[in-house]
Amino acid sequence: MKTGKKLRDEGTASVLENSSDEWKFEADLCMNRLIAKGVPFTSEDLRDAMTLPPHHPNAMGGYWIHAVKRFDLEIVGYKKAERVKSRAHVLPMWIKKG
């Protein structure tokens, strides 16, 4: 039997495998720029920094699941989303550990 975590991880892997190399490269580039600023940032900040749209609505979430580990990020607070589409839900604010 598959667990919710296993299903999530499989879906994440699938959506990222189908993302273009250009999109993933830009996401990494923008993530590194946000980290270099040394101030907390949200997924909205990353989305706003990118010029290429994700190929699938779940691509950004899948990217974040992997990015938290790859870039050694930690949550330092929360704020309401500003994008109208996000309906003011609460977003974690991230910063590189250390």
PDB file of N, CA and C in Angstrom:
ATOM      1  N   MET A   1       0.841  -1.185   0.000  1.00  0.00           N
ATOM      2  CA  MET A   1       0.000   0.000   0.000  1.00  0.00           C
ATOM      3  C   MET A   1       0.886   1.248   0.000  1.00  0.00           C
ATOM      4  N   LYS A   2       0.509   2.226  -0.804  1.00  0.00           N
ATOM      5  CA  LYS A   2       1.270   3.463  -0.891  1.00  0.00           C
ATOM      6  C   LYS A   2       0.786   4.452   0.158  1.00  0.00           C
ATOM      7  N   THR A   3       1.731   5.179   0.710  1.00  0.00           N
ATOM      8  CA  THR A   3       1.409   6.217   1.683  1.00  0.00           C
ATOM      9  C   THR A   3       1.197   7.542   0.958  1.00  0.00           C
ATOM     10  N   GLY A   4       0.620   8.495   1.650  1.00  0.00           N
ATOM     11  CA  GLY A   4       0.443   9.823   1.076  1.00  0.00           C
ATOM     12  C   GLY A   4       1.765  10.444   0.692  1.00  0.00           C
ATOM     13  N   LYS A   5       2.794  10.253   1.522  1.00  0.00           N
ATOM     14  CA  LYS A   5       4.118  10.809   1.236  1.00  0.00           C
ATOM     15  C   LYS A   5       4.690  10.177  -0.031  1.00  0.00           C
ATOM     16  N   LYS A   6       4.532   8.866  -0.177  1.00  0.00           N
ATOM     17  CA  LYS A   6       5.048   8.176  -1.362  1.00  0.00           C
ATOM     18  C   LYS A   6       4.349   8.678  -2.626  1.00  0.00           C
ATOM     19  N   LEU A   7       3.036   8.819  -2.555  1.00  0.00           N
ATOM     20  CA  LEU A   7       2.290   9.332  -3.708  1.00  0.00           C
ATOM     21  C   LEU A   7       2.713  10.756  -4.044  1.00  0.00           C
ATOM     22  N   ARG A   8       2.906  11.590  -3.012  1.00  0.00           N
ATOM     23  CA  ARG A   8       3.370  12.963  -3.238  1.00  0.00           C
ATOM     24  C   ARG A   8       4.735  12.971  -3.911  1.00  0.00           C
ATOM     25  N   ASP A   9       5.647  12.148  -3.395  1.00  0.00           N
ATOM     26  CA  ASP A   9       7.000  12.102  -3.948  1.00  0.00           C
ATOM     27  C   ASP A   9       7.006  11.613  -5.392  1.00  0.00           C
ATOM     28  N   GLU A  10       6.162  10.644  -5.706  1.00  0.00           N
ATOM     29  CA  GLU A  10       6.066  10.148  -7.083  1.00  0.00           C
ATOM     30  C   GLU A  10       5.519  11.241  -8.008  1.00  0.00           C
ATOM     31  N   GLY A  11       4.490  11.954  -7.554  1.00  0.00           N
ATOM     32  CA  GLY A  11       3.922  13.037  -8.349  1.00  0.00           C
ATOM     33  C   GLY A  11       4.909  14.167  -8.555  1.00  0.00           C
ATOM     34  N   THR A  12       5.656  14.489  -7.506  1.00  0.00           N
ATOM     35  CA  THR A  12       6.670  15.531  -7.585  1.00  0.00           C
ATOM     36  C   THR A  12       7.745  15.156  -8.591  1.00  0.00           C
ATOM     37  N   ALA A  13       8.223  13.929  -8.503  1.00  0.00           N
ATOM     38  CA  ALA A  13       9.256  13.463  -9.432  1.00  0.00           C
ATOM     39  C   ALA A  13       8.749  13.526 -10.869  1.00  0.00           C
ATOM     40  N   SER A  14       7.521  13.116 -11.078  1.00  0.00           N
ATOM     41  CA  SER A  14       6.939  13.105 -12.423  1.00  0.00           C
ATOM     42  C   SER A  14       6.817  14.509 -13.001  1.00  0.00           C
ATOM     43  N   VAL A  15       6.296  15.446 -12.214  1.00  0.00           N
ATOM     44  CA  VAL A  15       6.106  16.804 -12.733  1.00  0.00           C
ATOM     45  C   VAL A  15       7.448  17.475 -13.001  1.00  0.00           C
ATOM     46  N   LEU A  16       8.466  17.195 -12.190  1.00  0.00           N
ATOM     47  CA  LEU A  16       9.776  17.791 -12.421  1.00  0.00           C
ATOM     48  C   LEU A  16      10.479  17.155 -13.616  1.00  0.00           C
ATOM     49  N   GLU A  17      10.299  15.849 -13.814  1.00  0.00           N
ATOM     50  CA  GLU A  17      10.891  15.180 -14.973  1.00  0.00           C
ATOM     51  C   GLU A  17      10.336  15.758 -16.265  1.00  0.00           C
ATOM     52  N   ASN A  18       9.091  16.187 -16.242  1.00  0.00           N
ATOM     53  CA  ASN A  18       8.448  16.726 -17.431  1.00  0.00           C
ATOM     54  C   ASN A  18       8.617  18.240 -17.571  1.00  0.00           C
ATOM     55  N   SER A  19       9.292  18.867 -16.622  1.00  0.00           N
ATOM     56  CA  SER A  19       9.582  20.302 -16.727  1.00  0.00           C
ATOM     57  C   SER A  19      10.791  20.480 -17.639  1.00  0.00           C
ATOM     58  N   SER A  20      10.795  21.550 -18.393  1.00  0.00           N
ATOM     59  CA  SER A  20      11.920  21.783 -19.307  1.00  0.00           C
ATOM     60  C   SER A  20      13.195  22.104 -18.528  1.00  0.00           C
ATOM     61  N   ASP A  21      14.322  21.775 -19.132  1.00  0.00           N
ATOM     62  CA  ASP A  21      15.607  22.101 -18.518  1.00  0.00           C
ATOM     63  C   ASP A  21      15.757  23.606 -18.357  1.00  0.00           C
ATOM     64  N   GLU A  22      15.221  24.363 -19.317  1.00  0.00           N
ATOM     65  CA  GLU A  22      15.299  25.825 -19.251  1.00  0.00           C
ATOM     66  C   GLU A  22      14.541  26.356 -18.042  1.00  0.00           C
ATOM     67  N   TRP A  23      13.354  25.797 -17.780  1.00  0.00           N
ATOM     68  CA  TRP A  23      12.556  26.243 -16.635  1.00  0.00           C
ATOM     69  C   TRP A  23      13.267  25.917 -15.327  1.00  0.00           C
ATOM     70  N   LYS A  24      13.796  24.705 -15.230  1.00  0.00           N
ATOM     71  CA  LYS A  24      14.507  24.312 -13.999  1.00  0.00           C
ATOM     72  C   LYS A  24      15.773  25.138 -13.805  1.00  0.00           C
ATOM     73  N   PHE A  25      16.480  25.438 -14.905  1.00  0.00           N
ATOM     74  CA  PHE A  25      17.678  26.271 -14.808  1.00  0.00           C
ATOM     75  C   PHE A  25      17.323  27.662 -14.295  1.00  0.00           C
ATOM     76  N   GLU A  26      16.248  28.247 -14.875  1.00  0.00           N
ATOM     77  CA  GLU A  26      15.838  29.578 -14.427  1.00  0.00           C
ATOM     78  C   GLU A  26      15.385  29.558 -12.968  1.00  0.00           C
ATOM     79  N   ALA A  27      14.671  28.520 -12.572  1.00  0.00           N
ATOM     80  CA  ALA A  27      14.233  28.416 -11.173  1.00  0.00           C
ATOM     81  C   ALA A  27      15.438  28.373 -10.239  1.00  0.00           C
ATOM     82  N   ASP A  28      16.453  27.578 -10.586  1.00  0.00           N
ATOM     83  CA  ASP A  28      17.664  27.512  -9.756  1.00  0.00           C
ATOM     84  C   ASP A  28      18.393  28.848  -9.718  1.00  0.00           C
ATOM     85  N   LEU A  29      18.494  29.500 -10.866  1.00  0.00           N
ATOM     86  CA  LEU A  29      19.163  30.798 -10.942  1.00  0.00           C
ATOM     87  C   LEU A  29      18.465  31.824 -10.051  1.00  0.00           C
ATOM     88  N   CYS A  30      17.148  31.890 -10.161  1.00  0.00           N
ATOM     89  CA  CYS A  30      16.373  32.839  -9.356  1.00  0.00           C
ATOM     90  C   CYS A  30      16.431  32.479  -7.872  1.00  0.00           C
ATOM     91  N   MET A  31      16.396  31.188  -7.557  1.00  0.00           N
ATOM     92  CA  MET A  31      16.496  30.753  -6.159  1.00  0.00           C
ATOM     93  C   MET A  31      17.835  31.203  -5.573  1.00  0.00           C
ATOM     94  N   ASN A  32      18.913  31.005  -6.314  1.00  0.00           N
ATOM     95  CA  ASN A  32      20.229  31.435  -5.827  1.00  0.00           C
ATOM     96  C   ASN A  32      20.285  32.939  -5.613  1.00  0.00           C
ATOM     97  N   ARG A  33      19.625  33.705  -6.467  1.00  0.00           N
ATOM     98  CA  ARG A  33      19.603  35.170  -6.302  1.00  0.00           C
ATOM     99  C   ARG A  33      18.827  35.564  -5.046  1.00  0.00           C
ATOM    100  N   LEU A  34      17.698  34.894  -4.799  1.00  0.00           N
ATOM    101  CA  LEU A  34      16.918  35.186  -3.590  1.00  0.00           C
ATOM    102  C   LEU A  34      17.713  34.843  -2.339  1.00  0.00           C
ATOM    103  N   ILE A  35      18.373  33.701  -2.348  1.00  0.00           N
ATOM    104  CA  ILE A  35      19.181  33.275  -1.198  1.00  0.00           C
ATOM    105  C   ILE A  35      20.312  34.274  -0.944  1.00  0.00           C
ATOM    106  N   ALA A  36      20.939  34.732  -2.018  1.00  0.00           N
ATOM    107  CA  ALA A  36      22.086  35.644  -1.891  1.00  0.00           C
ATOM    108  C   ALA A  36      21.714  36.967  -1.231  1.00  0.00           C
ATOM    109  N   LYS A  37      20.462  37.366  -1.334  1.00  0.00           N
ATOM    110  CA  LYS A  37      20.030  38.614  -0.697  1.00  0.00           C
ATOM    111  C   LYS A  37      20.096  38.524   0.823  1.00  0.00           C
ATOM    112  N   GLY A  38      20.003  37.308   1.367  1.00  0.00           N
ATOM    113  CA  GLY A  38      20.110  37.124   2.811  1.00  0.00           C
ATOM    114  C   GLY A  38      18.891  37.546   3.602  1.00  0.00           C
ATOM    115  N   VAL A  39      17.758  37.716   2.941  1.00  0.00           N
ATOM    116  CA  VAL A  39      16.521  38.078   3.625  1.00  0.00           C
ATOM    117  C   VAL A  39      15.456  37.021   3.321  1.00  0.00           C
ATOM    118  N   PRO A  40      14.480  36.860   4.209  1.00  0.00           N
ATOM    119  CA  PRO A  40      13.432  35.859   3.970  1.00  0.00           C
ATOM    120  C   PRO A  40      12.667  36.118   2.670  1.00  0.00           C
ATOM    121  N   PHE A  41      12.261  35.032   2.019  1.00  0.00           N
ATOM    122  CA  PHE A  41      11.514  35.124   0.766  1.00  0.00           C
ATOM    123  C   PHE A  41      10.465  34.010   0.724  1.00  0.00           C
ATOM    124  N   THR A  42       9.509  34.173  -0.187  1.00  0.00           N
ATOM    125  CA  THR A  42       8.419  33.202  -0.321  1.00  0.00           C
ATOM    126  C   THR A  42       8.413  32.608  -1.729  1.00  0.00           C
ATOM    127  N   SER A  43       7.542  31.649  -1.921  1.00  0.00           N
ATOM    128  CA  SER A  43       7.375  31.070  -3.258  1.00  0.00           C
ATOM    129  C   SER A  43       6.876  32.124  -4.246  1.00  0.00           C
ATOM    130  N   GLU A  44       6.122  33.097  -3.763  1.00  0.00           N
ATOM    131  CA  GLU A  44       5.683  34.194  -4.642  1.00  0.00           C
ATOM    132  C   GLU A  44       6.879  34.991  -5.156  1.00  0.00           C
ATOM    133  N   ASP A  45       7.866  35.192  -4.309  1.00  0.00           N
ATOM    134  CA  ASP A  45       9.058  35.927  -4.733  1.00  0.00           C
ATOM    135  C   ASP A  45       9.770  35.178  -5.860  1.00  0.00           C
ATOM    136  N   LEU A  46       9.842  33.867  -5.739  1.00  0.00           N
ATOM    137  CA  LEU A  46      10.469  33.078  -6.794  1.00  0.00           C
ATOM    138  C   LEU A  46       9.642  33.156  -8.069  1.00  0.00           C
ATOM    139  N   ARG A  47       8.357  32.977  -7.952  1.00  0.00           N
ATOM    140  CA  ARG A  47       7.475  33.040  -9.128  1.00  0.00           C
ATOM    141  C   ARG A  47       7.593  34.409  -9.813  1.00  0.00           C
ATOM    142  N   ASP A  48       7.644  35.472  -9.026  1.00  0.00           N
ATOM    143  CA  ASP A  48       7.758  36.827  -9.581  1.00  0.00           C
ATOM    144  C   ASP A  48       9.106  37.067 -10.260  1.00  0.00           C
ATOM    145  N   ALA A  49      10.149  36.398  -9.778  1.00  0.00           N
ATOM    146  CA  ALA A  49      11.485  36.584 -10.341  1.00  0.00           C
ATOM    147  C   ALA A  49      11.667  35.845 -11.665  1.00  0.00           C
ATOM    148  N   MET A  50      10.839  34.844 -11.905  1.00  0.00           N
ATOM    149  CA  MET A  50      10.986  34.026 -13.102  1.00  0.00           C
ATOM    150  C   MET A  50      10.244  34.618 -14.291  1.00  0.00           C
ATOM    151  N   THR A  51      10.794  34.394 -15.487  1.00  0.00           N
ATOM    152  CA  THR A  51      10.138  34.840 -16.715  1.00  0.00           C
ATOM    153  C   THR A  51       9.399  33.691 -17.395  1.00  0.00           C
ATOM    154  N   LEU A  52       9.862  32.464 -17.180  1.00  0.00           N
ATOM    155  CA  LEU A  52       9.230  31.299 -17.803  1.00  0.00           C
ATOM    156  C   LEU A  52       8.127  30.753 -16.902  1.00  0.00           C
ATOM    157  N   PRO A  53       6.958  30.488 -17.455  1.00  0.00           N
ATOM    158  CA  PRO A  53       5.891  29.895 -16.638  1.00  0.00           C
ATOM    159  C   PRO A  53       6.121  28.387 -16.469  1.00  0.00           C
ATOM    160  N   PRO A  54       5.648  27.819 -15.376  1.00  0.00           N
ATOM    161  CA  PRO A  54       5.753  26.362 -15.228  1.00  0.00           C
ATOM    162  C   PRO A  54       4.840  25.688 -16.252  1.00  0.00           C
ATOM    163  N   HIS A  55       5.218  24.504 -16.693  1.00  0.00           N
ATOM    164  CA  HIS A  55       4.414  23.794 -17.692  1.00  0.00           C
ATOM    165  C   HIS A  55       3.156  23.176 -17.094  1.00  0.00           C
ATOM    166  N   HIS A  56       3.139  23.064 -15.777  1.00  0.00           N
ATOM    167  CA  HIS A  56       2.020  22.419 -15.074  1.00  0.00           C
ATOM    168  C   HIS A  56       1.817  23.160 -13.757  1.00  0.00           C
ATOM    169  N   PRO A  57       0.572  23.286 -13.285  1.00  0.00           N
ATOM    170  CA  PRO A  57       0.321  23.996 -12.024  1.00  0.00           C
ATOM    171  C   PRO A  57       1.071  23.417 -10.819  1.00  0.00           C
ATOM    172  N   ASN A  58       1.410  22.140 -10.849  1.00  0.00           N
ATOM    173  CA  ASN A  58       2.108  21.524  -9.712  1.00  0.00           C
ATOM    174  C   ASN A  58       3.624  21.639  -9.797  1.00  0.00           C
ATOM    175  N   ALA A  59       4.145  22.185 -10.888  1.00  0.00           N
ATOM    176  CA  ALA A  59       5.601  22.240 -11.063  1.00  0.00           C
ATOM    177  C   ALA A  59       6.284  23.092  -9.993  1.00  0.00           C
ATOM    178  N   MET A  60       5.710  24.240  -9.671  1.00  0.00           N
ATOM    179  CA  MET A  60       6.343  25.104  -8.676  1.00  0.00           C
ATOM    180  C   MET A  60       6.369  24.433  -7.300  1.00  0.00           C
ATOM    181  N   GLY A  61       5.272  23.808  -6.924  1.00  0.00           N
ATOM    182  CA  GLY A  61       5.245  23.097  -5.647  1.00  0.00           C
ATOM    183  C   GLY A  61       6.237  21.948  -5.614  1.00  0.00           C
ATOM    184  N   GLY A  62       6.330  21.227  -6.713  1.00  0.00           N
ATOM    185  CA  GLY A  62       7.299  20.141  -6.802  1.00  0.00           C
ATOM    186  C   GLY A  62       8.722  20.645  -6.704  1.00  0.00           C
ATOM    187  N   TYR A  63       8.961  21.774  -7.354  1.00  0.00           N
ATOM    188  CA  TYR A  63      10.288  22.378  -7.283  1.00  0.00           C
ATOM    189  C   TYR A  63      10.633  22.737  -5.834  1.00  0.00           C
ATOM    190  N   TRP A  64       9.678  23.321  -5.107  1.00  0.00           N
ATOM    191  CA  TRP A  64       9.932  23.734  -3.718  1.00  0.00           C
ATOM    192  C   TRP A  64      10.247  22.551  -2.818  1.00  0.00           C
ATOM    193  N   ILE A  65       9.543  21.449  -2.995  1.00  0.00           N
ATOM    194  CA  ILE A  65       9.800  20.270  -2.158  1.00  0.00           C
ATOM    195  C   ILE A  65      11.262  19.854  -2.271  1.00  0.00           C
ATOM    196  N   HIS A  66      11.779  19.861  -3.486  1.00  0.00           N
ATOM    197  CA  HIS A  66      13.180  19.493  -3.681  1.00  0.00           C
ATOM    198  C   HIS A  66      14.139  20.623  -3.291  1.00  0.00           C
ATOM    199  N   ALA A  67      13.751  21.851  -3.544  1.00  0.00           N
ATOM    200  CA  ALA A  67      14.630  22.991  -3.278  1.00  0.00           C
ATOM    201  C   ALA A  67      14.917  23.166  -1.793  1.00  0.00           C
ATOM    202  N   VAL A  68      13.941  22.878  -0.949  1.00  0.00           N
ATOM    203  CA  VAL A  68      14.139  23.020   0.498  1.00  0.00           C
ATOM    204  C   VAL A  68      15.335  22.178   0.953  1.00  0.00           C
ATOM    205  N   LYS A  69      15.440  20.983   0.438  1.00  0.00           N
ATOM    206  CA  LYS A  69      16.570  20.109   0.796  1.00  0.00           C
ATOM    207  C   LYS A  69      17.849  20.527   0.079  1.00  0.00           C
ATOM    208  N   ARG A  70      17.751  20.758  -1.228  1.00  0.00           N
ATOM    209  CA  ARG A  70      18.941  21.073  -2.029  1.00  0.00           C
ATOM    210  C   ARG A  70      19.622  22.362  -1.589  1.00  0.00           C
ATOM    211  N   PHE A  71      18.831  23.371  -1.244  1.00  0.00           N
ATOM    212  CA  PHE A  71      19.384  24.666  -0.882  1.00  0.00           C
ATOM    213  C   PHE A  71      19.472  24.869   0.627  1.00  0.00           C
ATOM    214  N   ASP A  72      19.112  23.839   1.398  1.00  0.00           N
ATOM    215  CA  ASP A  72      19.200  23.869   2.860  1.00  0.00           C
ATOM    216  C   ASP A  72      18.418  25.059   3.440  1.00  0.00           C
ATOM    217  N   LEU A  73      17.123  25.116   3.110  1.00  0.00           N
ATOM    218  CA  LEU A  73      16.270  26.223   3.536  1.00  0.00           C
ATOM    219  C   LEU A  73      15.509  25.879   4.808  1.00  0.00           C
ATOM    220  N   GLU A  74      15.155  26.905   5.556  1.00  0.00           N
ATOM    221  CA  GLU A  74      14.322  26.727   6.739  1.00  0.00           C
ATOM    222  C   GLU A  74      13.267  27.825   6.792  1.00  0.00           C
ATOM    223  N   ILE A  75      12.155  27.505   7.418  1.00  0.00           N
ATOM    224  CA  ILE A  75      11.071  28.472   7.581  1.00  0.00           C
ATOM    225  C   ILE A  75      11.404  29.400   8.748  1.00  0.00           C
ATOM    226  N   VAL A  76      11.260  30.713   8.507  1.00  0.00           N
ATOM    227  CA  VAL A  76      11.543  31.694   9.557  1.00  0.00           C
ATOM    228  C   VAL A  76      10.334  32.566   9.867  1.00  0.00           C
ATOM    229  N   GLY A  77       9.218  32.299   9.227  1.00  0.00           N
ATOM    230  CA  GLY A  77       8.015  33.072   9.467  1.00  0.00           C
ATOM    231  C   GLY A  77       6.965  32.745   8.419  1.00  0.00           C
ATOM    232  N   TYR A  78       5.875  33.500   8.468  1.00  0.00           N
ATOM    233  CA  TYR A  78       4.755  33.298   7.539  1.00  0.00           C
ATOM    234  C   TYR A  78       4.189  34.652   7.142  1.00  0.00           C
ATOM    235  N   LYS A  79       3.596  34.704   5.963  1.00  0.00           N
ATOM    236  CA  LYS A  79       2.898  35.914   5.535  1.00  0.00           C
ATOM    237  C   LYS A  79       1.783  35.522   4.571  1.00  0.00           C
ATOM    238  N   LYS A  80       0.804  36.411   4.448  1.00  0.00           N
ATOM    239  CA  LYS A  80      -0.299  36.137   3.525  1.00  0.00           C
ATOM    240  C   LYS A  80       0.169  36.346   2.089  1.00  0.00           C
ATOM    241  N   ALA A  81      -0.288  35.462   1.220  1.00  0.00           N
ATOM    242  CA  ALA A  81       0.014  35.584  -0.200  1.00  0.00           C
ATOM    243  C   ALA A  81      -0.583  36.880  -0.742  1.00  0.00           C
ATOM    244  N   GLU A  82       0.099  37.488  -1.680  1.00  0.00           N
ATOM    245  CA  GLU A  82      -0.373  38.732  -2.278  1.00  0.00           C
ATOM    246  C   GLU A  82      -1.052  38.499  -3.626  1.00  0.00           C
ATOM    247  N   ARG A  83      -0.741  37.387  -4.279  1.00  0.00           N
ATOM    248  CA  ARG A  83      -1.376  37.086  -5.569  1.00  0.00           C
ATOM    249  C   ARG A  83      -2.867  36.848  -5.349  1.00  0.00           C
ATOM    250  N   VAL A  84      -3.691  37.491  -6.145  1.00  0.00           N
ATOM    251  CA  VAL A  84      -5.141  37.348  -6.025  1.00  0.00           C
ATOM    252  C   VAL A  84      -5.542  35.882  -6.157  1.00  0.00           C
ATOM    253  N   LYS A  85      -4.912  35.172  -7.106  1.00  0.00           N
ATOM    254  CA  LYS A  85      -5.205  33.764  -7.339  1.00  0.00           C
ATOM    255  C   LYS A  85      -4.979  32.903  -6.095  1.00  0.00           C
ATOM    256  N   SER A  86      -4.086  33.332  -5.235  1.00  0.00           N
ATOM    257  CA  SER A  86      -3.751  32.560  -4.033  1.00  0.00           C
ATOM    258  C   SER A  86      -4.749  32.751  -2.903  1.00  0.00           C
ATOM    259  N   ARG A  87      -5.659  33.701  -3.071  1.00  0.00           N
ATOM    260  CA  ARG A  87      -6.738  33.929  -2.108  1.00  0.00           C
ATOM    261  C   ARG A  87      -6.240  34.172  -0.672  1.00  0.00           C
ATOM    262  N   ALA A  88      -5.144  34.894  -0.565  1.00  0.00           N
ATOM    263  CA  ALA A  88      -4.578  35.315   0.722  1.00  0.00           C
ATOM    264  C   ALA A  88      -4.223  34.161   1.659  1.00  0.00           C
ATOM    265  N   HIS A  89      -3.908  32.988   1.085  1.00  0.00           N
ATOM    266  CA  HIS A  89      -3.502  31.908   1.985  1.00  0.00           C
ATOM    267  C   HIS A  89      -2.116  32.213   2.559  1.00  0.00           C
ATOM    268  N   VAL A  90      -1.742  31.506   3.586  1.00  0.00           N
ATOM    269  CA  VAL A  90      -0.507  31.786   4.307  1.00  0.00           C
ATOM    270  C   VAL A  90       0.668  31.055   3.650  1.00  0.00           C
ATOM    271  N   LEU A  91       1.738  31.799   3.418  1.00  0.00           N
ATOM    272  CA  LEU A  91       2.949  31.262   2.799  1.00  0.00           C
ATOM    273  C   LEU A  91       4.090  31.224   3.804  1.00  0.00           C
ATOM    274  N   PRO A  92       4.890  30.163   3.784  1.00  0.00           N
ATOM    275  CA  PRO A  92       6.102  30.174   4.604  1.00  0.00           C
ATOM    276  C   PRO A  92       7.112  31.170   4.032  1.00  0.00           C
ATOM    277  N   MET A  93       7.873  31.771   4.910  1.00  0.00           N
ATOM    278  CA  MET A  93       8.984  32.631   4.519  1.00  0.00           C
ATOM    279  C   MET A  93      10.256  31.830   4.779  1.00  0.00           C
ATOM    280  N   TRP A  94      11.100  31.749   3.770  1.00  0.00           N
ATOM    281  CA  TRP A  94      12.289  30.885   3.804  1.00  0.00           C
ATOM    282  C   TRP A  94      13.570  31.681   3.849  1.00  0.00           C
ATOM    283  N   ILE A  95      14.622  31.047   4.377  1.00  0.00           N
ATOM    284  CA  ILE A  95      15.971  31.592   4.341  1.00  0.00           C
ATOM    285  C   ILE A  95      16.923  30.398   4.418  1.00  0.00           C
ATOM    286  N   LYS A  96      18.131  30.587   3.920  1.00  0.00           N
ATOM    287  CA  LYS A  96      19.126  29.513   3.989  1.00  0.00           C
ATOM    288  C   LYS A  96      19.554  29.329   5.441  1.00  0.00           C
ATOM    289  N   LYS A  97      19.660  28.075   5.869  1.00  0.00           N
ATOM    290  CA  LYS A  97      20.095  27.793   7.238  1.00  0.00           C
ATOM    291  C   LYS A  97      21.502  28.306   7.462  1.00  0.00           C
ATOM    292  N   GLY A  98      21.773  28.630   8.722  1.00  0.00           N
ATOM    293  CA  GLY A  98      23.136  29.012   9.084  1.00  0.00           C
ATOM    294  C   GLY A  98      23.295  30.415   9.229  1.00  0.00           C
TER     295      GLY A  98
END
